[in-house]
Protein backbone atom coordinates (compact mmCIF):
# COMPACT_ATOMS: atom_id res chain seq x y z
CA UNK A 1 8.70 10.87 20.96
CA UNK A 2 8.08 7.69 18.98
CA UNK A 3 9.18 7.13 15.45
CA UNK A 4 6.48 6.53 12.83
CA UNK A 5 6.59 3.72 10.29
CA UNK A 6 5.71 4.53 6.66
CA UNK A 7 6.04 0.91 5.45
CA UNK A 8 8.05 -2.24 5.65
CA UNK A 9 10.37 -3.95 3.22
CA UNK A 10 10.19 -7.73 3.37
CA UNK A 11 13.07 -9.58 1.86
CA UNK A 12 12.34 -12.97 0.39
CA UNK A 13 14.89 -15.74 0.58
CA UNK A 14 14.68 -16.11 -3.13
CA UNK A 15 12.84 -14.60 -6.09
CA UNK A 16 9.34 -15.85 -6.58
CA UNK A 17 7.25 -16.03 -9.73
CA UNK A 18 4.37 -13.47 -9.52
CA UNK A 19 1.73 -16.25 -9.65
CA UNK A 20 3.42 -18.24 -6.87
CA UNK A 21 3.62 -15.11 -4.69
CA UNK A 22 -0.11 -14.23 -4.93
CA UNK A 23 -1.07 -16.02 -1.77
CA UNK A 24 1.59 -14.25 0.20
CA UNK A 25 0.47 -10.85 -1.31
CA UNK A 26 -3.12 -11.63 -0.48
CA UNK A 27 -2.09 -12.50 3.14
CA UNK A 28 -0.30 -9.23 3.73
CA UNK A 29 -3.36 -7.29 2.45
CA UNK A 30 -5.29 -8.68 5.45
CA UNK A 31 -3.20 -6.71 7.95
CA UNK A 32 -4.76 -3.44 9.35
CA UNK A 33 -3.37 -0.23 7.93
CA UNK A 34 -1.96 -1.92 4.75
CA UNK A 35 -2.71 0.34 1.83
CA UNK A 36 -1.06 -1.71 -0.90
CA UNK A 37 1.05 -4.72 -1.40
CA UNK A 38 3.19 -4.88 -4.48
CA UNK A 39 6.72 -5.80 -5.57
CA UNK A 40 9.19 -2.85 -5.21
CA UNK A 41 10.10 -1.43 -8.57
CA UNK A 42 12.50 1.44 -8.24
CA UNK A 43 12.46 3.86 -5.25
CA UNK A 44 10.16 2.67 -2.40
CA UNK A 45 9.70 6.24 -1.10
CA UNK A 46 8.10 7.20 -4.43
CA UNK A 47 5.79 4.16 -4.36
CA UNK A 48 4.72 4.99 -0.78
CA UNK A 49 4.03 8.71 -1.67
CA UNK A 50 2.17 7.71 -4.87
CA UNK A 51 -0.15 5.24 -3.15
CA UNK A 52 -0.89 7.67 -0.27
CA UNK A 53 -1.64 10.48 -2.67
CA UNK A 54 -3.94 8.11 -4.71
CA UNK A 55 -5.76 7.01 -1.53
CA UNK A 56 -6.23 10.60 -0.44
CA UNK A 57 -7.68 11.63 -3.76
CA UNK A 58 -10.00 8.63 -3.79
CA UNK A 59 -11.19 9.55 -0.28
CA UNK A 60 -11.89 13.15 -1.36
CA UNK A 61 -13.65 12.04 -4.54
CA UNK A 62 -15.79 9.58 -2.55
CA UNK A 63 -16.85 12.33 -0.17
CA UNK A 64 -17.55 14.68 -3.00
CA UNK A 65 -19.66 12.14 -4.94
CA UNK A 66 -21.67 11.03 -1.89
CA UNK A 67 -22.15 14.52 -0.32
CA UNK A 68 -20.31 13.60 2.85
CA UNK A 69 -18.70 16.42 4.84
CA UNK A 70 -20.77 19.14 3.23
């Protein structure tokens, strides 16, 4: 059985200003399966769960609005 990865924590060598980090954030968004890229504020497990729940709700709402799956 293979372990599943929920996300990755990338440690920067030094703190970056938000505007200086934007190019790096944009680059990470290009990877397949990347849902969000944002600085970690608090518990990363909560951030992962929140973004997954939001994405699932958006997907269901999209299907409901466009009549898919009916």
